[in-house]
Amino acid sequence: HRILALRAFIRMIEMEPHQSPQGAVLALQEALRLSTQPEEKKLVLGVLPVFSCKEALHLAESLAGEEDIKAEAETAAGKIKKALEKQS
């Protein structure tokens, strides 16, 4: 039940596009803190580009050192960088 609740929490964050990107990233950081499996971390990394900001980029880059989610972290960071460039 814990895993299902965590995944639902992550999806709820994603479904609220009008929240501040920084607030969403804080909530996603909390989800990462509670994550025990790579699948949940990958789910967070998939949501991060929706809330592109420098905090999201920092979070994605900080996860690139974890071998089992490295590819997803690098992909998320790349998407966030592109979105930030468009905002400039």
C-alpha atoms as a PDB file:
ATOM      1  CA  HIS A   1       0.000   0.000   0.000  1.00  0.00           C
ATOM      2  CA  ARG A   2       2.893   2.336   0.742  1.00  0.00           C
ATOM      3  CA  ILE A   3       4.262   2.038  -2.785  1.00  0.00           C
ATOM      4  CA  LEU A   4       0.851   2.654  -4.338  1.00  0.00           C
ATOM      5  CA  ALA A   5       0.301   5.689  -2.111  1.00  0.00           C
ATOM      6  CA  LEU A   6       3.703   7.120  -3.030  1.00  0.00           C
ATOM      7  CA  ARG A   7       3.064   6.645  -6.730  1.00  0.00           C
ATOM      8  CA  ALA A   8      -0.347   8.305  -6.366  1.00  0.00           C
ATOM      9  CA  PHE A   9       1.302  11.235  -4.542  1.00  0.00           C
ATOM     10  CA  ILE A  10       3.769  11.700  -7.408  1.00  0.00           C
ATOM     11  CA  ARG A  11       0.962  11.571  -9.986  1.00  0.00           C
ATOM     12  CA  MET A  12      -1.059  14.133  -7.997  1.00  0.00           C
ATOM     13  CA  ILE A  13       1.888  16.534  -8.106  1.00  0.00           C
ATOM     14  CA  GLU A  14       2.110  16.086 -11.868  1.00  0.00           C
ATOM     15  CA  MET A  15      -1.602  16.710 -12.348  1.00  0.00           C
ATOM     16  CA  GLU A  16      -1.489  20.175 -10.739  1.00  0.00           C
ATOM     17  CA  PRO A  17       0.188  22.301 -13.443  1.00  0.00           C
ATOM     18  CA  HIS A  18      -0.736  25.639 -11.848  1.00  0.00           C
ATOM     19  CA  GLN A  19       1.428  25.229  -8.759  1.00  0.00           C
ATOM     20  CA  SER A  20       4.773  26.947  -8.581  1.00  0.00           C
ATOM     21  CA  PRO A  21       7.609  24.903 -10.067  1.00  0.00           C
ATOM     22  CA  GLN A  22       9.645  25.351  -6.898  1.00  0.00           C
ATOM     23  CA  GLY A  23       6.767  24.056  -4.751  1.00  0.00           C
ATOM     24  CA  ALA A  24       6.344  21.039  -6.989  1.00  0.00           C
ATOM     25  CA  VAL A  25      10.062  20.291  -6.795  1.00  0.00           C
ATOM     26  CA  LEU A  26       9.920  20.437  -2.983  1.00  0.00           C
ATOM     27  CA  ALA A  27       7.056  17.928  -3.015  1.00  0.00           C
ATOM     28  CA  LEU A  28       8.968  15.715  -5.450  1.00  0.00           C
ATOM     29  CA  GLN A  29      12.031  15.871  -3.178  1.00  0.00           C
ATOM     30  CA  GLU A  30       9.844  14.570  -0.364  1.00  0.00           C
ATOM     31  CA  ALA A  31       8.649  11.766  -2.636  1.00  0.00           C
ATOM     32  CA  LEU A  32      12.278  10.895  -3.386  1.00  0.00           C
ATOM     33  CA  ARG A  33      13.064  10.818   0.316  1.00  0.00           C
ATOM     34  CA  LEU A  34      10.287   8.255   0.766  1.00  0.00           C
ATOM     35  CA  SER A  35      11.270   6.222  -2.313  1.00  0.00           C
ATOM     36  CA  THR A  36      12.831   2.853  -1.692  1.00  0.00           C
ATOM     37  CA  GLN A  37      12.766   1.497  -5.244  1.00  0.00           C
ATOM     38  CA  PRO A  38      14.323   2.780  -8.479  1.00  0.00           C
ATOM     39  CA  GLU A  39      10.895   2.718 -10.144  1.00  0.00           C
ATOM     40  CA  GLU A  40       9.590   5.485  -7.875  1.00  0.00           C
ATOM     41  CA  LYS A  41      12.717   7.565  -8.456  1.00  0.00           C
ATOM     42  CA  LYS A  42      12.273   7.121 -12.212  1.00  0.00           C
ATOM     43  CA  LEU A  43       8.671   8.268 -11.871  1.00  0.00           C
ATOM     44  CA  VAL A  44       9.849  11.439 -10.097  1.00  0.00           C
ATOM     45  CA  LEU A  45      12.449  12.041 -12.801  1.00  0.00           C
ATOM     46  CA  GLY A  46       9.756  11.692 -15.436  1.00  0.00           C
ATOM     47  CA  VAL A  47       7.680  14.402 -13.743  1.00  0.00           C
ATOM     48  CA  LEU A  48      10.516  16.881 -13.049  1.00  0.00           C
ATOM     49  CA  PRO A  49      10.639  18.381 -16.584  1.00  0.00           C
ATOM     50  CA  VAL A  50       6.981  19.398 -16.222  1.00  0.00           C
ATOM     51  CA  PHE A  51       8.148  21.846 -13.541  1.00  0.00           C
ATOM     52  CA  SER A  52      11.332  23.124 -15.177  1.00  0.00           C
ATOM     53  CA  CYS A  53      13.237  25.479 -12.917  1.00  0.00           C
ATOM     54  CA  LYS A  54      16.789  25.644 -11.607  1.00  0.00           C
ATOM     55  CA  GLU A  55      15.756  23.617  -8.528  1.00  0.00           C
ATOM     56  CA  ALA A  56      14.415  20.844 -10.759  1.00  0.00           C
ATOM     57  CA  LEU A  57      17.643  20.848 -12.760  1.00  0.00           C
ATOM     58  CA  HIS A  58      19.719  20.650  -9.583  1.00  0.00           C
ATOM     59  CA  LEU A  59      17.621  17.728  -8.317  1.00  0.00           C
ATOM     60  CA  ALA A  60      17.888  15.813 -11.606  1.00  0.00           C
ATOM     61  CA  GLU A  61      21.646  16.365 -11.781  1.00  0.00           C
ATOM     62  CA  SER A  62      22.064  15.241  -8.164  1.00  0.00           C
ATOM     63  CA  LEU A  63      20.520  11.885  -9.046  1.00  0.00           C
ATOM     64  CA  ALA A  64      22.808  11.234 -12.032  1.00  0.00           C
ATOM     65  CA  GLY A  65      25.304   9.557  -9.708  1.00  0.00           C
ATOM     66  CA  GLU A  66      22.904   6.721  -8.893  1.00  0.00           C
ATOM     67  CA  GLU A  67      23.762   3.909 -11.298  1.00  0.00           C
ATOM     68  CA  ASP A  68      20.276   2.371 -11.578  1.00  0.00           C
ATOM     69  CA  ILE A  69      18.627   5.704 -12.531  1.00  0.00           C
ATOM     70  CA  LYS A  70      21.527   7.483 -14.224  1.00  0.00           C
ATOM     71  CA  ALA A  71      20.033   7.429 -17.741  1.00  0.00           C
ATOM     72  CA  GLU A  72      16.682   8.781 -16.538  1.00  0.00           C
ATOM     73  CA  ALA A  73      18.384  11.513 -14.483  1.00  0.00           C
ATOM     74  CA  GLU A  74      20.457  12.631 -17.465  1.00  0.00           C
ATOM     75  CA  THR A  75      17.392  12.630 -19.724  1.00  0.00           C
ATOM     76  CA  ALA A  76      15.402  14.704 -17.229  1.00  0.00           C
ATOM     77  CA  ALA A  77      18.269  17.165 -16.813  1.00  0.00           C
ATOM     78  CA  GLY A  78      18.539  17.569 -20.590  1.00  0.00           C
ATOM     79  CA  LYS A  79      14.811  18.264 -20.945  1.00  0.00           C
ATOM     80  CA  ILE A  80      14.901  20.786 -18.103  1.00  0.00           C
ATOM     81  CA  LYS A  81      17.920  22.571 -19.605  1.00  0.00           C
ATOM     82  CA  LYS A  82      16.116  22.917 -22.944  1.00  0.00           C
ATOM     83  CA  ALA A  83      12.998  24.275 -21.242  1.00  0.00           C
ATOM     84  CA  LEU A  84      15.055  26.780 -19.257  1.00  0.00           C
ATOM     85  CA  GLU A  85      16.801  27.952 -22.421  1.00  0.00           C
ATOM     86  CA  LYS A  86      13.422  28.609 -24.032  1.00  0.00           C
ATOM     87  CA  GLN A  87      12.332  30.628 -20.996  1.00  0.00           C
ATOM     88  CA  SER A  88      15.377  32.903 -21.267  1.00  0.00           C
END
